[in-house]
Amino acid sequence: MSKLNKVFLRIKAFFYSFYKSVSSLNYYRDVVLAPLSFSVKYFFMLTILLSIGISSVTTILTFPKIQKELNTFINTASSYYPNDLIITSKGGQVSINKPEPFIVPFPKGSLELTSQTKKELENLIVFDSNGTLDDMEKYKTLILLNKSNLLIQSQDKIEARSFKDYPDGQLTKKNVIKTINSVKPFLSFIPIIMFLAILFGTLLYYAGVKFVLVLPVALGLMLVGNIKKLQMPFSKYLQIALHTFTLPLIVEIVSMVVKFPIHVPLWFFVLNLLFGVLVVSKLPEKQTPATQS
């Protein structure tokens, strides 16, 4: 049998297990006869495929907007910097070659950048060597640069960043343009980086956090099985929980797609447990589990 055929058969087997895990209680009789490795592989294949799907869709839907905003910023960023402004850093203090206060207003069409702030802002940055926190309101500025600190409006608070550890040097418009041009080639990698970041996060959530939550479900099912006097080890209840996990997962994905979040606490855990209890209640008392592998 060729490798391609083997891959096709494995994919076919996965989707068969996926369908049967939510549509057939009798299928679980076969599950508990299979080795633990079968269910573990199914669970991780399910979470991997789901994570790839979520990452792909999220990247496709959100990146065009991000790309547009990035391109707009890259193409206009240099215009924010005055042509003859020179910012000098020396001995942990900053100075400029302009009379102070030197004010740089927001470029036309960029005021939406400040929409999250409660105060009305008119200026992008103000240079005032003796400026303080109180002066930010007076200047109606997003950023205030004094000789020792960079003060930035951040929603409901102001962040201060000291120049104490900054290296000596100068910043000119030529430096700004050079930096912007050096960044442009890397913009093409943003979709890949975005996809991988989302993939990592979703894998961590589903294959990590959700897997841990499957364990108490298995313990609950084991309690039900003991009451029913089923002669099965914990690993078999874990297998059942790994497969019944499919149902609440489908519900969660559907709720995300239709944008109708479920706010019931622990609903995922409870649904997995209830479905598992139903499965265990339908298992025959005489069952011969396979040897684990």
C-alpha atoms as a PDB file:
ATOM      1  CA  MET A   1       0.000   0.000   0.000  1.00  0.00           C
ATOM      2  CA  SER A   2       1.406   3.386  -0.980  1.00  0.00           C
ATOM      3  CA  LYS A   3       2.015   6.148   1.560  1.00  0.00           C
ATOM      4  CA  LEU A   4      -0.659   8.251  -0.113  1.00  0.00           C
ATOM      5  CA  ASN A   5      -3.241   5.510   0.360  1.00  0.00           C
ATOM      6  CA  LYS A   6      -2.245   5.143   4.008  1.00  0.00           C
ATOM      7  CA  VAL A   7      -2.708   8.862   4.563  1.00  0.00           C
ATOM      8  CA  PHE A   8      -6.081   8.753   2.819  1.00  0.00           C
ATOM      9  CA  LEU A   9      -7.213   5.838   4.986  1.00  0.00           C
ATOM     10  CA  ARG A  10      -6.121   7.611   8.164  1.00  0.00           C
ATOM     11  CA  ILE A  11      -8.012  10.738   7.176  1.00  0.00           C
ATOM     12  CA  LYS A  12     -11.056   8.652   6.333  1.00  0.00           C
ATOM     13  CA  ALA A  13     -10.778   6.845   9.690  1.00  0.00           C
ATOM     14  CA  PHE A  14     -10.513  10.156  11.542  1.00  0.00           C
ATOM     15  CA  PHE A  15     -13.661  11.600   9.983  1.00  0.00           C
ATOM     16  CA  TYR A  16     -15.464   8.315  10.597  1.00  0.00           C
ATOM     17  CA  SER A  17     -14.515   8.548  14.286  1.00  0.00           C
ATOM     18  CA  PHE A  18     -15.513  12.208  14.339  1.00  0.00           C
ATOM     19  CA  TYR A  19     -18.964  11.443  12.941  1.00  0.00           C
ATOM     20  CA  LYS A  20     -19.572   8.393  15.093  1.00  0.00           C
ATOM     21  CA  SER A  21     -18.369  10.136  18.264  1.00  0.00           C
ATOM     22  CA  VAL A  22     -21.401  12.428  18.145  1.00  0.00           C
ATOM     23  CA  SER A  23     -23.938  10.282  16.320  1.00  0.00           C
ATOM     24  CA  SER A  24     -23.689   6.774  17.737  1.00  0.00           C
ATOM     25  CA  LEU A  25     -23.694   5.592  21.337  1.00  0.00           C
ATOM     26  CA  ASN A  26     -22.945   2.069  20.154  1.00  0.00           C
ATOM     27  CA  TYR A  27     -19.695   3.323  18.609  1.00  0.00           C
ATOM     28  CA  TYR A  28     -18.285   3.716  22.115  1.00  0.00           C
ATOM     29  CA  ARG A  29     -18.349  -0.047  22.524  1.00  0.00           C
ATOM     30  CA  ASP A  30     -15.648  -0.114  19.867  1.00  0.00           C
ATOM     31  CA  VAL A  31     -13.831   2.811  21.477  1.00  0.00           C
ATOM     32  CA  VAL A  32     -13.309   1.022  24.792  1.00  0.00           C
ATOM     33  CA  LEU A  33     -12.078  -2.057  22.939  1.00  0.00           C
ATOM     34  CA  ALA A  34      -9.438   0.005  21.155  1.00  0.00           C
ATOM     35  CA  PRO A  35      -6.089   0.926  22.731  1.00  0.00           C
ATOM     36  CA  LEU A  36      -5.718   4.269  24.496  1.00  0.00           C
ATOM     37  CA  SER A  37      -3.365   5.473  21.767  1.00  0.00           C
ATOM     38  CA  PHE A  38      -6.268   5.380  19.285  1.00  0.00           C
ATOM     39  CA  SER A  39      -8.295   7.922  21.257  1.00  0.00           C
ATOM     40  CA  VAL A  40      -5.292  10.104  22.093  1.00  0.00           C
ATOM     41  CA  LYS A  41      -4.372  10.297  18.397  1.00  0.00           C
ATOM     42  CA  TYR A  42      -7.980  11.137  17.544  1.00  0.00           C
ATOM     43  CA  PHE A  43      -8.103  13.917  20.148  1.00  0.00           C
ATOM     44  CA  PHE A  44      -4.876  15.554  19.057  1.00  0.00           C
ATOM     45  CA  MET A  45      -5.720  15.218  15.370  1.00  0.00           C
ATOM     46  CA  LEU A  46      -9.059  16.882  16.109  1.00  0.00           C
ATOM     47  CA  THR A  47      -7.447  19.773  17.975  1.00  0.00           C
ATOM     48  CA  ILE A  48      -4.710  20.206  15.349  1.00  0.00           C
ATOM     49  CA  LEU A  49      -7.178  20.357  12.449  1.00  0.00           C
ATOM     50  CA  LEU A  50      -9.437  22.689  14.400  1.00  0.00           C
ATOM     51  CA  SER A  51      -6.529  24.978  15.279  1.00  0.00           C
ATOM     52  CA  ILE A  52      -5.378  25.098  11.663  1.00  0.00           C
ATOM     53  CA  GLY A  53      -8.917  25.926  10.555  1.00  0.00           C
ATOM     54  CA  ILE A  54      -9.405  28.688  13.128  1.00  0.00           C
ATOM     55  CA  SER A  55      -5.967  30.155  12.386  1.00  0.00           C
ATOM     56  CA  SER A  56      -6.561  30.134   8.637  1.00  0.00           C
ATOM     57  CA  VAL A  57     -10.021  31.704   8.794  1.00  0.00           C
ATOM     58  CA  THR A  58      -8.976  34.331  11.338  1.00  0.00           C
ATOM     59  CA  THR A  59      -5.916  35.294   9.301  1.00  0.00           C
ATOM     60  CA  ILE A  60      -7.884  35.484   6.043  1.00  0.00           C
ATOM     61  CA  LEU A  61     -10.659  37.597   7.584  1.00  0.00           C
ATOM     62  CA  THR A  62      -8.565  40.007   9.636  1.00  0.00           C
ATOM     63  CA  PHE A  63      -5.302  40.436   7.754  1.00  0.00           C
ATOM     64  CA  PRO A  64      -6.654  42.544   4.844  1.00  0.00           C
ATOM     65  CA  LYS A  65      -7.765  45.227   7.313  1.00  0.00           C
ATOM     66  CA  ILE A  66      -4.487  45.039   9.215  1.00  0.00           C
ATOM     67  CA  GLN A  67      -2.541  45.173   5.953  1.00  0.00           C
ATOM     68  CA  LYS A  68      -4.447  48.262   4.831  1.00  0.00           C
ATOM     69  CA  GLU A  69      -3.769  50.047   8.114  1.00  0.00           C
ATOM     70  CA  LEU A  70      -0.105  49.041   8.073  1.00  0.00           C
ATOM     71  CA  ASN A  71       0.367  50.223   4.500  1.00  0.00           C
ATOM     72  CA  THR A  72      -1.313  53.516   5.325  1.00  0.00           C
ATOM     73  CA  PHE A  73       0.904  53.983   8.356  1.00  0.00           C
ATOM     74  CA  ILE A  74       4.102  52.999   6.527  1.00  0.00           C
ATOM     75  CA  ASN A  75       3.323  55.306   3.629  1.00  0.00           C
ATOM     76  CA  THR A  76       2.484  58.288   5.837  1.00  0.00           C
ATOM     77  CA  ALA A  77       4.731  57.738   8.871  1.00  0.00           C
ATOM     78  CA  SER A  78       7.595  59.814   7.519  1.00  0.00           C
ATOM     79  CA  SER A  79       5.242  62.769   6.991  1.00  0.00           C
ATOM     80  CA  TYR A  80       4.643  62.886  10.748  1.00  0.00           C
ATOM     81  CA  TYR A  81       8.281  63.818  11.319  1.00  0.00           C
ATOM     82  CA  PRO A  82       9.176  67.480  10.574  1.00  0.00           C
ATOM     83  CA  ASN A  83      11.790  67.857   7.839  1.00  0.00           C
ATOM     84  CA  ASP A  84      14.405  69.808   9.787  1.00  0.00           C
ATOM     85  CA  LEU A  85      13.799  68.429  13.285  1.00  0.00           C
ATOM     86  CA  ILE A  86      16.823  66.886  14.997  1.00  0.00           C
ATOM     87  CA  ILE A  87      16.360  65.048  18.298  1.00  0.00           C
ATOM     88  CA  THR A  88      19.585  64.628  20.244  1.00  0.00           C
ATOM     89  CA  SER A  89      20.101  62.136  23.067  1.00  0.00           C
ATOM     90  CA  LYS A  90      23.096  62.683  25.343  1.00  0.00           C
ATOM     91  CA  GLY A  91      23.783  61.567  28.896  1.00  0.00           C
ATOM     92  CA  GLY A  92      20.258  60.283  29.428  1.00  0.00           C
ATOM     93  CA  GLN A  93      18.642  63.560  28.392  1.00  0.00           C
ATOM     94  CA  VAL A  94      16.966  64.614  25.161  1.00  0.00           C
ATOM     95  CA  SER A  95      16.999  67.971  23.384  1.00  0.00           C
ATOM     96  CA  ILE A  96      15.823  69.344  20.028  1.00  0.00           C
ATOM     97  CA  ASN A  97      17.051  72.010  17.617  1.00  0.00           C
ATOM     98  CA  LYS A  98      13.788  73.968  17.796  1.00  0.00           C
ATOM     99  CA  PRO A  99      12.313  76.657  20.074  1.00  0.00           C
ATOM    100  CA  GLU A 100      10.139  75.117  22.788  1.00  0.00           C
ATOM    101  CA  PRO A 101       7.418  74.154  23.181  1.00  0.00           C
ATOM    102  CA  PHE A 102       7.620  72.594  19.727  1.00  0.00           C
ATOM    103  CA  ILE A 103       4.260  71.162  18.698  1.00  0.00           C
ATOM    104  CA  VAL A 104       3.568  68.528  16.042  1.00  0.00           C
ATOM    105  CA  PRO A 105      -0.201  68.364  15.348  1.00  0.00           C
ATOM    106  CA  PHE A 106      -1.979  65.287  14.100  1.00  0.00           C
ATOM    107  CA  PRO A 107      -1.779  64.973  10.317  1.00  0.00           C
ATOM    108  CA  LYS A 108      -5.137  65.447   8.634  1.00  0.00           C
ATOM    109  CA  GLY A 109      -7.298  62.331   8.730  1.00  0.00           C
ATOM    110  CA  SER A 110      -5.443  60.733  11.645  1.00  0.00           C
ATOM    111  CA  LEU A 111      -7.561  61.935  14.572  1.00  0.00           C
ATOM    112  CA  GLU A 112      -9.290  58.558  14.719  1.00  0.00           C
ATOM    113  CA  LEU A 113      -6.116  57.282  16.356  1.00  0.00           C
ATOM    114  CA  THR A 114      -7.169  59.038  19.558  1.00  0.00           C
ATOM    115  CA  SER A 115     -10.807  57.922  19.606  1.00  0.00           C
ATOM    116  CA  GLN A 116     -10.213  55.645  22.608  1.00  0.00           C
ATOM    117  CA  THR A 117      -9.061  58.519  24.825  1.00  0.00           C
ATOM    118  CA  LYS A 118     -11.622  60.403  26.844  1.00  0.00           C
ATOM    119  CA  LYS A 119      -9.975  63.795  26.423  1.00  0.00           C
ATOM    120  CA  GLU A 120     -10.009  65.654  23.133  1.00  0.00           C
ATOM    121  CA  LEU A 121      -6.511  65.590  21.666  1.00  0.00           C
ATOM    122  CA  GLU A 122      -5.231  67.931  19.002  1.00  0.00           C
ATOM    123  CA  ASN A 123      -1.503  67.218  18.844  1.00  0.00           C
ATOM    124  CA  LEU A 124       0.530  64.121  18.118  1.00  0.00           C
ATOM    125  CA  ILE A 125       3.614  65.152  20.108  1.00  0.00           C
ATOM    126  CA  VAL A 126       4.854  68.175  22.010  1.00  0.00           C
ATOM    127  CA  PHE A 127       8.503  68.807  22.846  1.00  0.00           C
ATOM    128  CA  ASP A 128       8.916  70.720  26.117  1.00  0.00           C
ATOM    129  CA  SER A 129      12.076  70.157  28.161  1.00  0.00           C
ATOM    130  CA  ASN A 130      10.293  71.163  31.366  1.00  0.00           C
ATOM    131  CA  GLY A 131       6.944  69.563  30.534  1.00  0.00           C
ATOM    132  CA  THR A 132       5.100  67.569  33.214  1.00  0.00           C
ATOM    133  CA  LEU A 133       2.126  65.223  33.432  1.00  0.00           C
ATOM    134  CA  ASP A 134      -0.191  68.183  34.011  1.00  0.00           C
ATOM    135  CA  ASP A 135       0.994  69.803  30.782  1.00  0.00           C
ATOM    136  CA  MET A 136      -0.400  66.954  28.684  1.00  0.00           C
ATOM    137  CA  GLU A 137      -3.921  68.235  29.241  1.00  0.00           C
ATOM    138  CA  LYS A 138      -2.829  71.804  28.555  1.00  0.00           C
ATOM    139  CA  TYR A 139      -1.175  70.831  25.278  1.00  0.00           C
ATOM    140  CA  LYS A 140      -3.958  68.358  24.343  1.00  0.00           C
ATOM    141  CA  THR A 141      -1.271  65.983  23.124  1.00  0.00           C
ATOM    142  CA  LEU A 142      -0.940  62.247  22.740  1.00  0.00           C
ATOM    143  CA  ILE A 143       2.796  62.338  23.506  1.00  0.00           C
ATOM    144  CA  LEU A 144       4.844  64.781  25.569  1.00  0.00           C
ATOM    145  CA  LEU A 145       8.616  64.647  25.396  1.00  0.00           C
ATOM    146  CA  ASN A 146      10.601  66.426  28.087  1.00  0.00           C
ATOM    147  CA  LYS A 147      14.343  66.293  28.646  1.00  0.00           C
ATOM    148  CA  SER A 148      14.192  63.127  30.776  1.00  0.00           C
ATOM    149  CA  ASN A 149      11.020  61.216  29.881  1.00  0.00           C
ATOM    150  CA  LEU A 150       8.588  60.268  27.168  1.00  0.00           C
ATOM    151  CA  LEU A 151       4.993  60.626  28.397  1.00  0.00           C
ATOM    152  CA  ILE A 152       2.297  58.792  26.429  1.00  0.00           C
ATOM    153  CA  GLN A 153      -1.493  58.861  26.740  1.00  0.00           C
ATOM    154  CA  SER A 154      -2.711  55.267  27.022  1.00  0.00           C
ATOM    155  CA  GLN A 155      -6.499  55.085  27.348  1.00  0.00           C
ATOM    156  CA  ASP A 156      -7.199  56.073  30.989  1.00  0.00           C
ATOM    157  CA  LYS A 157      -3.583  56.390  32.117  1.00  0.00           C
ATOM    158  CA  ILE A 158      -0.298  58.033  31.194  1.00  0.00           C
ATOM    159  CA  GLU A 159       2.831  55.942  30.700  1.00  0.00           C
ATOM    160  CA  ALA A 160       6.267  57.411  31.406  1.00  0.00           C
ATOM    161  CA  ARG A 161       9.432  56.068  29.787  1.00  0.00           C
ATOM    162  CA  SER A 162      12.792  57.331  30.983  1.00  0.00           C
ATOM    163  CA  PHE A 163      15.670  58.234  28.645  1.00  0.00           C
ATOM    164  CA  LYS A 164      18.224  57.298  31.313  1.00  0.00           C
ATOM    165  CA  ASP A 165      19.408  54.163  29.520  1.00  0.00           C
ATOM    166  CA  TYR A 166      19.085  55.498  25.974  1.00  0.00           C
ATOM    167  CA  PRO A 167      22.334  55.597  23.964  1.00  0.00           C
ATOM    168  CA  ASP A 168      23.777  58.906  22.795  1.00  0.00           C
ATOM    169  CA  GLY A 169      22.892  59.849  19.234  1.00  0.00           C
ATOM    170  CA  GLN A 170      20.663  61.858  16.926  1.00  0.00           C
ATOM    171  CA  LEU A 171      17.380  61.203  15.172  1.00  0.00           C
ATOM    172  CA  THR A 172      16.602  62.976  11.906  1.00  0.00           C
ATOM    173  CA  LYS A 173      13.966  62.559   9.221  1.00  0.00           C
ATOM    174  CA  LYS A 174      16.567  60.772   7.112  1.00  0.00           C
ATOM    175  CA  ASN A 175      16.948  58.178   9.886  1.00  0.00           C
ATOM    176  CA  VAL A 176      13.175  57.768  10.092  1.00  0.00           C
ATOM    177  CA  ILE A 177      12.825  57.190   6.339  1.00  0.00           C
ATOM    178  CA  LYS A 178      15.709  54.711   6.388  1.00  0.00           C
ATOM    179  CA  THR A 179      14.096  52.759   9.226  1.00  0.00           C
ATOM    180  CA  ILE A 180      10.707  52.691   7.483  1.00  0.00           C
ATOM    181  CA  ASN A 181      12.271  51.433   4.244  1.00  0.00           C
ATOM    182  CA  SER A 182      14.109  48.686   6.123  1.00  0.00           C
ATOM    183  CA  VAL A 183      10.829  47.483   7.635  1.00  0.00           C
ATOM    184  CA  LYS A 184       8.848  47.288   4.377  1.00  0.00           C
ATOM    185  CA  PRO A 185      10.344  43.956   3.129  1.00  0.00           C
ATOM    186  CA  PHE A 186       9.198  42.232   6.316  1.00  0.00           C
ATOM    187  CA  LEU A 187       5.531  43.174   5.873  1.00  0.00           C
ATOM    188  CA  SER A 188       5.038  40.201   3.553  1.00  0.00           C
ATOM    189  CA  PHE A 189       5.815  37.874   6.477  1.00  0.00           C
ATOM    190  CA  ILE A 190       3.083  39.286   8.695  1.00  0.00           C
ATOM    191  CA  PRO A 191       0.346  36.840   7.493  1.00  0.00           C
ATOM    192  CA  ILE A 192       2.641  33.895   8.262  1.00  0.00           C
ATOM    193  CA  ILE A 193       3.586  35.292  11.664  1.00  0.00           C
ATOM    194  CA  MET A 194      -0.055  36.042  12.401  1.00  0.00           C
ATOM    195  CA  PHE A 195      -1.144  32.539  11.362  1.00  0.00           C
ATOM    196  CA  LEU A 196       1.559  30.861  13.470  1.00  0.00           C
ATOM    197  CA  ALA A 197       0.762  33.008  16.507  1.00  0.00           C
ATOM    198  CA  ILE A 198      -2.947  32.159  16.332  1.00  0.00           C
ATOM    199  CA  LEU A 199      -2.120  28.507  15.673  1.00  0.00           C
ATOM    200  CA  PHE A 200       0.108  28.363  18.751  1.00  0.00           C
ATOM    201  CA  GLY A 201      -2.556  29.994  20.901  1.00  0.00           C
ATOM    202  CA  THR A 202      -5.390  27.744  19.740  1.00  0.00           C
ATOM    203  CA  LEU A 203      -3.252  24.611  20.056  1.00  0.00           C
ATOM    204  CA  LEU A 204      -2.298  25.606  23.580  1.00  0.00           C
ATOM    205  CA  TYR A 205      -5.952  26.185  24.398  1.00  0.00           C
ATOM    206  CA  TYR A 206      -7.493  23.077  22.859  1.00  0.00           C
ATOM    207  CA  ALA A 207      -4.678  20.516  23.115  1.00  0.00           C
ATOM    208  CA  GLY A 208      -3.453  21.853  26.453  1.00  0.00           C
ATOM    209  CA  VAL A 209      -6.120  23.490  28.598  1.00  0.00           C
ATOM    210  CA  LYS A 210      -9.020  21.489  27.194  1.00  0.00           C
ATOM    211  CA  PHE A 211      -7.105  18.216  27.534  1.00  0.00           C
ATOM    212  CA  VAL A 212      -6.553  18.908  31.232  1.00  0.00           C
ATOM    213  CA  LEU A 213     -10.299  19.527  31.634  1.00  0.00           C
ATOM    214  CA  VAL A 214     -11.000  16.137  30.058  1.00  0.00           C
ATOM    215  CA  LEU A 215      -9.342  14.402  33.027  1.00  0.00           C
ATOM    216  CA  PRO A 216     -11.999  15.335  35.638  1.00  0.00           C
ATOM    217  CA  VAL A 217     -14.656  14.307  33.112  1.00  0.00           C
ATOM    218  CA  ALA A 218     -13.015  10.886  32.934  1.00  0.00           C
ATOM    219  CA  LEU A 219     -12.998  10.698  36.745  1.00  0.00           C
ATOM    220  CA  GLY A 220     -16.709  11.497  36.817  1.00  0.00           C
ATOM    221  CA  LEU A 221     -17.407   8.822  34.215  1.00  0.00           C
ATOM    222  CA  MET A 222     -15.356   6.330  36.206  1.00  0.00           C
ATOM    223  CA  LEU A 223     -17.565   7.018  39.228  1.00  0.00           C
ATOM    224  CA  VAL A 224     -20.658   6.334  37.126  1.00  0.00           C
ATOM    225  CA  GLY A 225     -19.039   3.197  35.712  1.00  0.00           C
ATOM    226  CA  ASN A 226     -18.231   1.913  39.192  1.00  0.00           C
ATOM    227  CA  ILE A 227     -21.832   2.452  40.243  1.00  0.00           C
ATOM    228  CA  LYS A 228     -22.876   0.451  37.206  1.00  0.00           C
ATOM    229  CA  LYS A 229     -20.178  -2.109  38.118  1.00  0.00           C
ATOM    230  CA  LEU A 230     -18.342  -1.873  34.814  1.00  0.00           C
ATOM    231  CA  GLN A 231     -14.994  -3.625  34.933  1.00  0.00           C
ATOM    232  CA  MET A 232     -12.913  -0.963  33.183  1.00  0.00           C
ATOM    233  CA  PRO A 233      -9.739   0.915  34.152  1.00  0.00           C
ATOM    234  CA  PHE A 234      -9.500   4.715  34.239  1.00  0.00           C
ATOM    235  CA  SER A 235      -7.854   4.762  30.800  1.00  0.00           C
ATOM    236  CA  LYS A 236     -11.093   3.537  29.208  1.00  0.00           C
ATOM    237  CA  TYR A 237     -13.125   6.327  30.757  1.00  0.00           C
ATOM    238  CA  LEU A 238     -10.467   8.732  29.532  1.00  0.00           C
ATOM    239  CA  GLN A 239     -10.960   7.372  26.022  1.00  0.00           C
ATOM    240  CA  ILE A 240     -14.692   7.945  26.273  1.00  0.00           C
ATOM    241  CA  ALA A 241     -14.138  11.510  27.510  1.00  0.00           C
ATOM    242  CA  LEU A 242     -11.718  12.224  24.656  1.00  0.00           C
ATOM    243  CA  HIS A 243     -14.385  11.245  22.139  1.00  0.00           C
ATOM    244  CA  THR A 244     -17.408  12.814  23.863  1.00  0.00           C
ATOM    245  CA  PHE A 245     -15.301  15.994  23.865  1.00  0.00           C
ATOM    246  CA  THR A 246     -16.301  16.249  20.187  1.00  0.00           C
ATOM    247  CA  LEU A 247     -19.892  17.308  20.947  1.00  0.00           C
ATOM    248  CA  PRO A 248     -19.205  20.369  23.130  1.00  0.00           C
ATOM    249  CA  LEU A 249     -16.394  21.294  20.756  1.00  0.00           C
ATOM    250  CA  ILE A 250     -18.844  21.418  17.837  1.00  0.00           C
ATOM    251  CA  VAL A 251     -21.256  23.490  19.928  1.00  0.00           C
ATOM    252  CA  GLU A 252     -18.456  25.907  20.822  1.00  0.00           C
ATOM    253  CA  ILE A 253     -17.381  26.338  17.192  1.00  0.00           C
ATOM    254  CA  VAL A 254     -20.971  26.879  16.033  1.00  0.00           C
ATOM    255  CA  SER A 255     -21.501  29.506  18.747  1.00  0.00           C
ATOM    256  CA  MET A 256     -18.352  31.272  17.544  1.00  0.00           C
ATOM    257  CA  VAL A 257     -19.450  31.174  13.902  1.00  0.00           C
ATOM    258  CA  VAL A 258     -22.940  32.528  14.588  1.00  0.00           C
ATOM    259  CA  LYS A 259     -21.488  35.013  17.111  1.00  0.00           C
ATOM    260  CA  PHE A 260     -23.716  33.798  19.921  1.00  0.00           C
ATOM    261  CA  PRO A 261     -21.399  33.168  22.887  1.00  0.00           C
ATOM    262  CA  ILE A 262     -22.546  30.814  25.626  1.00  0.00           C
ATOM    263  CA  HIS A 263     -22.213  32.527  29.002  1.00  0.00           C
ATOM    264  CA  VAL A 264     -23.200  29.549  31.171  1.00  0.00           C
ATOM    265  CA  PRO A 265     -20.264  28.771  33.512  1.00  0.00           C
ATOM    266  CA  LEU A 266     -18.495  25.461  32.837  1.00  0.00           C
ATOM    267  CA  TRP A 267     -20.990  24.563  30.119  1.00  0.00           C
ATOM    268  CA  PHE A 268     -18.296  22.829  28.032  1.00  0.00           C
ATOM    269  CA  PHE A 269     -17.272  20.622  30.948  1.00  0.00           C
ATOM    270  CA  VAL A 270     -20.882  19.883  31.933  1.00  0.00           C
ATOM    271  CA  LEU A 271     -21.951  18.972  28.384  1.00  0.00           C
ATOM    272  CA  ASN A 272     -18.945  16.699  27.951  1.00  0.00           C
ATOM    273  CA  LEU A 273     -19.699  15.038  31.289  1.00  0.00           C
ATOM    274  CA  LEU A 274     -23.423  14.582  30.600  1.00  0.00           C
ATOM    275  CA  PHE A 275     -22.793  13.113  27.164  1.00  0.00           C
ATOM    276  CA  GLY A 276     -20.169  10.841  28.685  1.00  0.00           C
ATOM    277  CA  VAL A 277     -22.586   9.698  31.390  1.00  0.00           C
ATOM    278  CA  LEU A 278     -25.115   8.834  28.674  1.00  0.00           C
ATOM    279  CA  VAL A 279     -22.449   6.830  26.835  1.00  0.00           C
ATOM    280  CA  VAL A 280     -21.358   4.944  29.967  1.00  0.00           C
ATOM    281  CA  SER A 281     -24.965   4.168  30.878  1.00  0.00           C
ATOM    282  CA  LYS A 282     -25.394   2.439  27.501  1.00  0.00           C
ATOM    283  CA  LEU A 283     -22.259   0.291  27.726  1.00  0.00           C
ATOM    284  CA  PRO A 284     -22.804  -3.417  28.380  1.00  0.00           C
ATOM    285  CA  GLU A 285     -21.628  -4.639  31.778  1.00  0.00           C
ATOM    286  CA  LYS A 286     -19.412  -7.286  30.182  1.00  0.00           C
ATOM    287  CA  GLN A 287     -16.748  -5.551  28.147  1.00  0.00           C
ATOM    288  CA  THR A 288     -13.263  -6.757  27.230  1.00  0.00           C
ATOM    289  CA  PRO A 289     -10.984  -3.745  26.822  1.00  0.00           C
ATOM    290  CA  ALA A 290      -7.962  -4.100  24.580  1.00  0.00           C
ATOM    291  CA  THR A 291      -4.442  -4.024  25.964  1.00  0.00           C
ATOM    292  CA  GLN A 292      -3.158  -0.441  26.183  1.00  0.00           C
ATOM    293  CA  SER A 293      -0.457   0.759  23.829  1.00  0.00           C
END
